[in-house]
N, C-alpha and C. Protein backbone atom coordinates (compact mmCIF):
# COMPACT_ATOMS: atom_id res chain seq x y z
N UNK A 1 0.83 -1.19 0.00
CA UNK A 1 0.00 0.00 0.00
C UNK A 1 0.88 1.25 0.00
N UNK A 2 1.98 1.21 0.75
CA UNK A 2 2.87 2.36 0.79
C UNK A 2 3.47 2.62 -0.59
N UNK A 3 3.84 1.55 -1.29
CA UNK A 3 4.39 1.71 -2.64
C UNK A 3 3.36 2.38 -3.53
N UNK A 4 2.13 1.91 -3.49
CA UNK A 4 1.09 2.48 -4.33
C UNK A 4 0.85 3.94 -3.99
N UNK A 5 0.89 4.27 -2.72
CA UNK A 5 0.69 5.66 -2.31
C UNK A 5 1.82 6.54 -2.86
N UNK A 6 3.03 6.05 -2.76
CA UNK A 6 4.19 6.84 -3.22
C UNK A 6 4.27 6.95 -4.73
N UNK A 7 3.97 5.86 -5.44
CA UNK A 7 4.18 5.81 -6.88
C UNK A 7 2.90 5.95 -7.71
N UNK A 8 1.75 5.96 -7.04
CA UNK A 8 0.45 6.11 -7.71
C UNK A 8 0.15 5.00 -8.71
N UNK A 9 0.77 3.84 -8.50
CA UNK A 9 0.53 2.69 -9.36
C UNK A 9 0.85 1.42 -8.58
N UNK A 10 0.27 0.33 -9.03
CA UNK A 10 0.57 -0.95 -8.39
C UNK A 10 1.94 -1.42 -8.87
N UNK A 11 2.77 -1.95 -7.97
CA UNK A 11 4.10 -2.38 -8.38
C UNK A 11 4.08 -3.73 -9.09
N UNK A 12 5.11 -3.96 -9.87
CA UNK A 12 5.34 -5.31 -10.36
C UNK A 12 5.98 -6.08 -9.21
N UNK A 13 6.07 -7.38 -9.34
CA UNK A 13 6.70 -8.18 -8.28
C UNK A 13 8.16 -7.77 -8.08
N UNK A 14 8.84 -7.46 -9.16
CA UNK A 14 10.24 -7.03 -9.07
C UNK A 14 10.36 -5.68 -8.36
N UNK A 15 9.48 -4.76 -8.70
CA UNK A 15 9.50 -3.45 -8.05
C UNK A 15 9.18 -3.56 -6.56
N UNK A 16 8.21 -4.41 -6.23
CA UNK A 16 7.85 -4.58 -4.83
C UNK A 16 8.99 -5.23 -4.05
N UNK A 17 9.65 -6.19 -4.65
CA UNK A 17 10.79 -6.83 -4.00
C UNK A 17 11.87 -5.81 -3.67
N UNK A 18 12.21 -4.98 -4.64
CA UNK A 18 13.24 -3.96 -4.42
C UNK A 18 12.78 -2.94 -3.38
N UNK A 19 11.53 -2.53 -3.44
CA UNK A 19 11.00 -1.56 -2.50
C UNK A 19 11.03 -2.11 -1.08
N UNK A 20 10.57 -3.33 -0.91
CA UNK A 20 10.56 -3.93 0.42
C UNK A 20 11.97 -4.06 0.98
N UNK A 21 12.94 -4.35 0.13
CA UNK A 21 14.33 -4.44 0.58
C UNK A 21 14.80 -3.09 1.12
N UNK A 22 14.39 -2.00 0.46
CA UNK A 22 14.79 -0.67 0.96
C UNK A 22 14.12 -0.35 2.28
N UNK A 23 13.00 -1.03 2.56
CA UNK A 23 12.28 -0.83 3.81
C UNK A 23 12.75 -1.80 4.91
N UNK A 24 13.76 -2.60 4.58
CA UNK A 24 14.32 -3.52 5.57
C UNK A 24 13.64 -4.88 5.64
N UNK A 25 12.77 -5.17 4.70
CA UNK A 25 12.11 -6.48 4.66
C UNK A 25 12.83 -7.37 3.67
N UNK A 26 13.41 -8.43 4.19
CA UNK A 26 14.21 -9.33 3.37
C UNK A 26 13.73 -10.76 3.54
N UNK A 27 14.18 -11.59 2.63
CA UNK A 27 13.90 -13.01 2.70
C UNK A 27 15.05 -13.73 3.36
N UNK A 28 15.18 -15.00 3.02
CA UNK A 28 16.26 -15.82 3.57
C UNK A 28 17.61 -15.27 3.19
N UNK A 29 18.54 -15.38 4.11
CA UNK A 29 19.89 -14.92 3.85
C UNK A 29 19.98 -13.42 3.66
N UNK A 30 18.99 -12.70 4.16
CA UNK A 30 18.95 -11.23 4.04
C UNK A 30 18.96 -10.77 2.58
N UNK A 31 18.45 -11.62 1.70
CA UNK A 31 18.30 -11.28 0.29
C UNK A 31 16.91 -10.67 0.08
N UNK A 32 16.75 -9.87 -0.96
CA UNK A 32 15.40 -9.34 -1.25
C UNK A 32 14.41 -10.50 -1.40
N UNK A 33 13.17 -10.24 -1.03
CA UNK A 33 12.14 -11.26 -1.20
C UNK A 33 12.02 -11.62 -2.68
N UNK A 34 11.81 -12.87 -2.95
CA UNK A 34 11.72 -13.35 -4.32
C UNK A 34 10.47 -12.78 -5.01
N UNK A 35 10.65 -12.18 -6.19
CA UNK A 35 9.46 -11.70 -6.91
C UNK A 35 8.45 -12.80 -7.17
N UNK A 36 8.91 -14.02 -7.44
CA UNK A 36 7.96 -15.10 -7.69
C UNK A 36 7.17 -15.45 -6.42
N UNK A 37 7.78 -15.29 -5.27
CA UNK A 37 7.08 -15.52 -4.02
C UNK A 37 6.04 -14.42 -3.78
N UNK A 38 6.40 -13.19 -4.08
CA UNK A 38 5.47 -12.07 -3.90
C UNK A 38 4.30 -12.15 -4.88
N UNK A 39 4.57 -12.61 -6.08
CA UNK A 39 3.57 -12.63 -7.14
C UNK A 39 2.30 -13.39 -6.73
N UNK A 40 2.46 -14.44 -5.95
CA UNK A 40 1.29 -15.25 -5.57
C UNK A 40 0.34 -14.52 -4.64
N UNK A 41 0.79 -13.41 -4.06
CA UNK A 41 -0.06 -12.66 -3.14
C UNK A 41 -0.82 -11.52 -3.83
N UNK A 42 -0.48 -11.23 -5.07
CA UNK A 42 -1.07 -10.08 -5.76
C UNK A 42 -2.58 -10.21 -5.94
N UNK A 43 -3.05 -11.35 -6.43
CA UNK A 43 -4.48 -11.50 -6.70
C UNK A 43 -5.30 -11.39 -5.42
N UNK A 44 -4.98 -12.14 -4.37
CA UNK A 44 -5.77 -11.95 -3.14
C UNK A 44 -5.72 -10.52 -2.61
N UNK A 45 -4.57 -9.85 -2.76
CA UNK A 45 -4.50 -8.47 -2.28
C UNK A 45 -5.39 -7.54 -3.11
N UNK A 46 -5.43 -7.73 -4.42
CA UNK A 46 -6.32 -6.92 -5.26
C UNK A 46 -7.78 -7.11 -4.84
N UNK A 47 -8.14 -8.36 -4.62
CA UNK A 47 -9.52 -8.65 -4.23
C UNK A 47 -9.79 -8.09 -2.84
N UNK A 48 -8.83 -8.24 -1.93
CA UNK A 48 -9.02 -7.69 -0.58
C UNK A 48 -9.25 -6.18 -0.64
N UNK A 49 -8.53 -5.49 -1.48
CA UNK A 49 -8.68 -4.04 -1.58
C UNK A 49 -10.12 -3.67 -1.94
N UNK A 50 -10.70 -4.40 -2.86
CA UNK A 50 -12.09 -4.15 -3.23
C UNK A 50 -13.02 -4.56 -2.09
N UNK A 51 -12.78 -5.72 -1.51
CA UNK A 51 -13.60 -6.19 -0.39
C UNK A 51 -13.57 -5.17 0.74
N UNK A 52 -12.39 -4.62 1.04
CA UNK A 52 -12.25 -3.66 2.14
C UNK A 52 -13.05 -2.38 1.88
N UNK A 53 -13.13 -1.96 0.62
CA UNK A 53 -13.95 -0.78 0.31
C UNK A 53 -15.42 -1.05 0.63
N UNK A 54 -15.87 -2.26 0.34
CA UNK A 54 -17.24 -2.63 0.69
C UNK A 54 -17.38 -2.77 2.20
N UNK A 55 -16.34 -3.29 2.84
CA UNK A 55 -16.38 -3.52 4.30
C UNK A 55 -16.49 -2.21 5.07
N UNK A 56 -16.05 -1.12 4.48
CA UNK A 56 -16.17 0.18 5.15
C UNK A 56 -17.63 0.55 5.38
N UNK A 57 -18.52 0.00 4.56
CA UNK A 57 -19.94 0.35 4.64
C UNK A 57 -20.80 -0.67 5.36
N UNK A 58 -20.29 -1.88 5.52
CA UNK A 58 -21.08 -2.93 6.15
C UNK A 58 -20.16 -3.99 6.76
N UNK A 59 -20.64 -4.63 7.81
CA UNK A 59 -19.85 -5.68 8.45
C UNK A 59 -19.72 -6.93 7.59
N UNK A 60 -20.67 -7.14 6.71
CA UNK A 60 -20.69 -8.33 5.86
C UNK A 60 -20.88 -7.94 4.40
N UNK A 61 -19.79 -7.58 3.72
CA UNK A 61 -19.92 -7.19 2.31
C UNK A 61 -20.54 -8.32 1.48
N UNK A 62 -21.37 -7.92 0.55
CA UNK A 62 -21.98 -8.91 -0.36
C UNK A 62 -20.92 -9.40 -1.33
N UNK A 63 -20.71 -10.69 -1.32
CA UNK A 63 -19.68 -11.31 -2.16
C UNK A 63 -19.98 -11.05 -3.64
N UNK A 64 -21.25 -11.06 -4.01
CA UNK A 64 -21.63 -10.80 -5.40
C UNK A 64 -21.18 -9.40 -5.83
N UNK A 65 -21.29 -8.43 -4.93
CA UNK A 65 -20.87 -7.07 -5.26
C UNK A 65 -19.35 -6.99 -5.43
N UNK A 66 -18.63 -7.71 -4.59
CA UNK A 66 -17.16 -7.73 -4.71
C UNK A 66 -16.77 -8.37 -6.04
N UNK A 67 -17.40 -9.49 -6.39
CA UNK A 67 -17.10 -10.16 -7.66
C UNK A 67 -17.41 -9.25 -8.84
N UNK A 68 -18.55 -8.54 -8.77
CA UNK A 68 -18.93 -7.61 -9.85
C UNK A 68 -17.87 -6.50 -10.00
N UNK A 69 -17.40 -5.97 -8.86
CA UNK A 69 -16.39 -4.92 -8.91
C UNK A 69 -15.06 -5.44 -9.43
N UNK A 70 -14.73 -6.67 -9.12
CA UNK A 70 -13.51 -7.27 -9.68
C UNK A 70 -13.62 -7.31 -11.21
N UNK A 71 -14.77 -7.74 -11.70
CA UNK A 71 -14.98 -7.82 -13.15
C UNK A 71 -14.91 -6.44 -13.79
N UNK A 72 -15.51 -5.45 -13.14
CA UNK A 72 -15.51 -4.10 -13.72
C UNK A 72 -14.10 -3.49 -13.75
N UNK A 73 -13.21 -3.99 -12.89
CA UNK A 73 -11.83 -3.50 -12.86
C UNK A 73 -10.87 -4.43 -13.61
N UNK A 74 -11.44 -5.38 -14.33
CA UNK A 74 -10.66 -6.35 -15.11
C UNK A 74 -9.70 -7.16 -14.25
N UNK A 75 -10.09 -7.47 -13.03
CA UNK A 75 -9.30 -8.34 -12.16
C UNK A 75 -9.78 -9.76 -12.42
N UNK A 76 -8.89 -10.58 -12.90
CA UNK A 76 -9.23 -11.95 -13.25
C UNK A 76 -8.26 -12.92 -12.58
N UNK A 77 -8.67 -14.17 -12.56
CA UNK A 77 -7.84 -15.22 -12.01
C UNK A 77 -6.95 -15.82 -13.08
N UNK A 78 -6.47 -17.00 -12.78
CA UNK A 78 -5.59 -17.70 -13.71
C UNK A 78 -6.28 -17.90 -15.05
N UNK A 79 -5.52 -17.74 -16.12
CA UNK A 79 -6.03 -17.86 -17.49
C UNK A 79 -7.15 -16.87 -17.78
N UNK A 80 -7.12 -15.72 -17.12
CA UNK A 80 -8.10 -14.65 -17.32
C UNK A 80 -9.54 -15.08 -17.00
N UNK A 81 -9.69 -16.04 -16.12
CA UNK A 81 -11.02 -16.45 -15.71
C UNK A 81 -11.58 -15.43 -14.72
N UNK A 82 -12.88 -15.19 -14.78
CA UNK A 82 -13.49 -14.24 -13.84
C UNK A 82 -13.31 -14.71 -12.39
N UNK A 83 -13.25 -13.76 -11.49
CA UNK A 83 -13.19 -14.06 -10.07
C UNK A 83 -14.59 -14.50 -9.65
N UNK A 84 -14.69 -15.67 -9.07
CA UNK A 84 -16.00 -16.20 -8.69
C UNK A 84 -16.32 -15.88 -7.24
N UNK A 85 -17.60 -15.96 -6.92
CA UNK A 85 -18.01 -15.77 -5.53
C UNK A 85 -17.42 -16.87 -4.66
N UNK A 86 -17.28 -18.08 -5.20
CA UNK A 86 -16.68 -19.17 -4.42
C UNK A 86 -15.23 -18.84 -4.06
N UNK A 87 -14.48 -18.29 -5.02
CA UNK A 87 -13.08 -17.93 -4.76
C UNK A 87 -13.01 -16.86 -3.67
N UNK A 88 -13.85 -15.87 -3.76
CA UNK A 88 -13.85 -14.80 -2.75
C UNK A 88 -14.23 -15.36 -1.39
N UNK A 89 -15.23 -16.23 -1.36
CA UNK A 89 -15.67 -16.82 -0.10
C UNK A 89 -14.55 -17.57 0.59
N UNK A 90 -13.69 -18.25 -0.17
CA UNK A 90 -12.59 -18.99 0.45
C UNK A 90 -11.59 -18.06 1.13
N UNK A 91 -11.59 -16.79 0.75
CA UNK A 91 -10.66 -15.82 1.33
C UNK A 91 -11.30 -14.91 2.38
N UNK A 92 -12.60 -15.01 2.56
CA UNK A 92 -13.31 -14.08 3.43
C UNK A 92 -12.79 -14.11 4.88
N UNK A 93 -12.50 -15.27 5.41
CA UNK A 93 -11.99 -15.36 6.78
C UNK A 93 -10.67 -14.61 6.89
N UNK A 94 -9.79 -14.79 5.91
CA UNK A 94 -8.51 -14.07 5.92
C UNK A 94 -8.74 -12.58 5.74
N UNK A 95 -9.69 -12.20 4.90
CA UNK A 95 -9.98 -10.78 4.71
C UNK A 95 -10.47 -10.16 6.02
N UNK A 96 -11.34 -10.86 6.74
CA UNK A 96 -11.83 -10.34 8.01
C UNK A 96 -10.68 -10.19 9.01
N UNK A 97 -9.81 -11.19 9.05
CA UNK A 97 -8.66 -11.13 9.96
C UNK A 97 -7.77 -9.95 9.61
N UNK A 98 -7.50 -9.79 8.32
CA UNK A 98 -6.67 -8.67 7.87
C UNK A 98 -7.34 -7.33 8.21
N UNK A 99 -8.65 -7.26 7.98
CA UNK A 99 -9.40 -6.04 8.29
C UNK A 99 -9.23 -5.67 9.75
N UNK A 100 -9.38 -6.65 10.62
CA UNK A 100 -9.25 -6.39 12.05
C UNK A 100 -7.83 -5.96 12.40
N UNK A 101 -6.84 -6.49 11.71
CA UNK A 101 -5.45 -6.15 12.01
C UNK A 101 -5.06 -4.76 11.54
N UNK A 102 -5.63 -4.30 10.42
CA UNK A 102 -5.16 -3.02 9.86
C UNK A 102 -6.22 -1.94 9.79
N UNK A 103 -7.44 -2.24 10.20
CA UNK A 103 -8.47 -1.20 10.16
C UNK A 103 -8.24 -0.20 11.27
N UNK A 104 -8.82 0.98 11.12
CA UNK A 104 -8.65 2.01 12.16
C UNK A 104 -9.10 1.50 13.53
N UNK A 105 -8.44 1.94 14.56
CA UNK A 105 -8.76 1.48 15.91
C UNK A 105 -10.17 1.86 16.32
N UNK A 106 -10.76 2.83 15.68
CA UNK A 106 -12.14 3.21 16.02
C UNK A 106 -13.13 2.09 15.68
N UNK A 107 -12.77 1.23 14.73
CA UNK A 107 -13.66 0.15 14.35
C UNK A 107 -13.52 -1.06 15.27
N UNK A 108 -12.55 -1.06 16.14
CA UNK A 108 -12.31 -2.21 17.00
C UNK A 108 -12.95 -1.98 18.37
N UNK A 109 -13.44 -3.06 18.96
CA UNK A 109 -13.95 -2.92 20.31
C UNK A 109 -12.80 -2.61 21.26
N UNK A 110 -13.07 -1.78 22.23
CA UNK A 110 -12.04 -1.45 23.21
C UNK A 110 -12.30 -2.19 24.50
N UNK A 111 -11.23 -2.59 25.14
CA UNK A 111 -11.40 -3.27 26.42
C UNK A 111 -11.13 -2.25 27.52
N UNK A 112 -11.76 -2.47 28.63
CA UNK A 112 -11.54 -1.58 29.76
C UNK A 112 -10.76 -2.32 30.83
N UNK A 113 -9.83 -1.64 31.41
CA UNK A 113 -9.02 -2.20 32.48
C UNK A 113 -9.67 -1.85 33.80
N UNK A 114 -9.75 -2.80 34.76
CA UNK A 114 -10.33 -2.46 36.06
C UNK A 114 -9.47 -1.52 36.85
């Protein structure tokens, strides 16, 4: 997200690898993260970004709406297949976990200390 904010575009796997290395994030042997390793995370992240926009308005985004928005943004799966509601559903638990981890603290329940 920081790369996109700075460069106003989504990075390639190679660009992201180099960027993360400048931020101190490395792989094994303190080498830059492998672009091929990063590449596998791009599709779920693209879908999460759309899901998160819907999540801002409701606790349970409609999967059909997320799939429709993926199609309208030309986000496709392997072999340019459309993103299905089943595919999104398999990631929903991870999306919710990610949302809780990075959403503003105002959206999280607060605990009170005695």
